[in-house]
Amino acid sequence: MPKPKKMRKTQSKPKNAEKRASPASIPIAAVPHLFNEKILEWQEAQFKALKAIHEKLDEILVVLKEE
């Protein structure tokens, strides 16, 4: 009769692992001041991008009016 295979012991996670989550796993919405800072950074980046597009379109418009 063959011997039964030995089961490996698995490392169990502590019951409070969810409570002791690392800061990286905390959703940014849970920390309002960080969330607001990220929104402001995003808005500033969007504004700069739209401003650059607007300036480029103005340059194109000037060239088209000259022709």
C-alpha atoms as a PDB file:
ATOM      1  CA  MET A   1       0.000   0.000   0.000  1.00  0.00           C
ATOM      2  CA  PRO A   2       1.525   3.403  -0.998  1.00  0.00           C
ATOM      3  CA  LYS A   3       2.251   5.958   1.660  1.00  0.00           C
ATOM      4  CA  PRO A   4       0.052   9.043   1.612  1.00  0.00           C
ATOM      5  CA  LYS A   5       1.798  12.222   0.474  1.00  0.00           C
ATOM      6  CA  LYS A   6       2.679  14.653   3.200  1.00  0.00           C
ATOM      7  CA  MET A   7       0.882  17.932   2.982  1.00  0.00           C
ATOM      8  CA  ARG A   8       3.007  21.047   3.152  1.00  0.00           C
ATOM      9  CA  LYS A   9       2.221  23.444   5.904  1.00  0.00           C
ATOM     10  CA  THR A  10       1.035  26.717   4.475  1.00  0.00           C
ATOM     11  CA  GLN A  11       1.906  29.930   6.150  1.00  0.00           C
ATOM     12  CA  SER A  12      -1.242  31.440   7.491  1.00  0.00           C
ATOM     13  CA  LYS A  13      -1.744  35.179   7.342  1.00  0.00           C
ATOM     14  CA  PRO A  14      -2.490  36.963  10.566  1.00  0.00           C
ATOM     15  CA  LYS A  15      -6.166  37.670  11.122  1.00  0.00           C
ATOM     16  CA  ASN A  16      -5.506  41.394  11.326  1.00  0.00           C
ATOM     17  CA  ALA A  17      -3.531  41.599   8.070  1.00  0.00           C
ATOM     18  CA  GLU A  18      -6.232  43.737   6.468  1.00  0.00           C
ATOM     19  CA  LYS A  19      -6.104  46.187   9.346  1.00  0.00           C
ATOM     20  CA  ARG A  20      -2.336  46.525   9.078  1.00  0.00           C
ATOM     21  CA  ALA A  21      -2.291  47.248   5.356  1.00  0.00           C
ATOM     22  CA  SER A  22       0.697  49.074   3.968  1.00  0.00           C
ATOM     23  CA  PRO A  23       0.225  52.768   3.095  1.00  0.00           C
ATOM     24  CA  ALA A  24       0.551  51.949  -0.614  1.00  0.00           C
ATOM     25  CA  SER A  25      -2.560  49.780  -0.463  1.00  0.00           C
ATOM     26  CA  ILE A  26      -4.720  52.513   1.088  1.00  0.00           C
ATOM     27  CA  PRO A  27      -6.943  54.080  -1.583  1.00  0.00           C
ATOM     28  CA  ILE A  28      -6.040  57.706  -2.238  1.00  0.00           C
ATOM     29  CA  ALA A  29      -9.679  58.714  -1.768  1.00  0.00           C
ATOM     30  CA  ALA A  30      -9.348  57.679   1.874  1.00  0.00           C
ATOM     31  CA  VAL A  31      -6.903  60.533   2.429  1.00  0.00           C
ATOM     32  CA  PRO A  32      -8.723  63.671   1.230  1.00  0.00           C
ATOM     33  CA  HIS A  33      -5.778  66.077   1.252  1.00  0.00           C
ATOM     34  CA  LEU A  34      -3.693  63.730  -0.922  1.00  0.00           C
ATOM     35  CA  PHE A  35      -6.659  63.184  -3.212  1.00  0.00           C
ATOM     36  CA  ASN A  36      -7.180  66.943  -3.575  1.00  0.00           C
ATOM     37  CA  GLU A  37      -3.481  67.445  -4.289  1.00  0.00           C
ATOM     38  CA  LYS A  38      -3.567  64.839  -7.069  1.00  0.00           C
ATOM     39  CA  ILE A  39      -6.695  66.429  -8.559  1.00  0.00           C
ATOM     40  CA  LEU A  40      -5.004  69.841  -8.564  1.00  0.00           C
ATOM     41  CA  GLU A  41      -1.898  68.374 -10.237  1.00  0.00           C
ATOM     42  CA  TRP A  42      -4.098  66.738 -12.864  1.00  0.00           C
ATOM     43  CA  GLN A  43      -6.031  69.966 -13.478  1.00  0.00           C
ATOM     44  CA  GLU A  44      -2.807  71.933 -13.882  1.00  0.00           C
ATOM     45  CA  ALA A  45      -1.451  69.395 -16.373  1.00  0.00           C
ATOM     46  CA  GLN A  46      -4.717  69.509 -18.331  1.00  0.00           C
ATOM     47  CA  PHE A  47      -4.669  73.306 -18.344  1.00  0.00           C
ATOM     48  CA  LYS A  48      -1.086  73.422 -19.655  1.00  0.00           C
ATOM     49  CA  ALA A  49      -1.897  70.892 -22.372  1.00  0.00           C
ATOM     50  CA  LEU A  50      -4.998  72.779 -23.496  1.00  0.00           C
ATOM     51  CA  LYS A  51      -3.103  76.070 -23.443  1.00  0.00           C
ATOM     52  CA  ALA A  52      -0.381  74.599 -25.669  1.00  0.00           C
ATOM     53  CA  ILE A  53      -3.005  73.300 -28.105  1.00  0.00           C
ATOM     54  CA  HIS A  54      -4.749  76.686 -28.141  1.00  0.00           C
ATOM     55  CA  GLU A  55      -1.470  78.507 -28.868  1.00  0.00           C
ATOM     56  CA  LYS A  56      -0.660  76.094 -31.701  1.00  0.00           C
ATOM     57  CA  LEU A  57      -4.123  76.600 -33.197  1.00  0.00           C
ATOM     58  CA  ASP A  58      -3.638  80.377 -32.991  1.00  0.00           C
ATOM     59  CA  GLU A  59      -0.357  80.023 -34.925  1.00  0.00           C
ATOM     60  CA  ILE A  60      -2.097  77.924 -37.592  1.00  0.00           C
ATOM     61  CA  LEU A  61      -4.921  80.454 -37.823  1.00  0.00           C
ATOM     62  CA  VAL A  62      -2.450  83.320 -38.363  1.00  0.00           C
ATOM     63  CA  VAL A  63      -0.730  81.379 -41.158  1.00  0.00           C
ATOM     64  CA  LEU A  64      -4.061  80.592 -42.812  1.00  0.00           C
ATOM     65  CA  LYS A  65      -5.171  84.235 -42.657  1.00  0.00           C
ATOM     66  CA  GLU A  66      -1.929  85.330 -44.346  1.00  0.00           C
ATOM     67  CA  GLU A  67      -2.584  83.083 -47.340  1.00  0.00           C
END
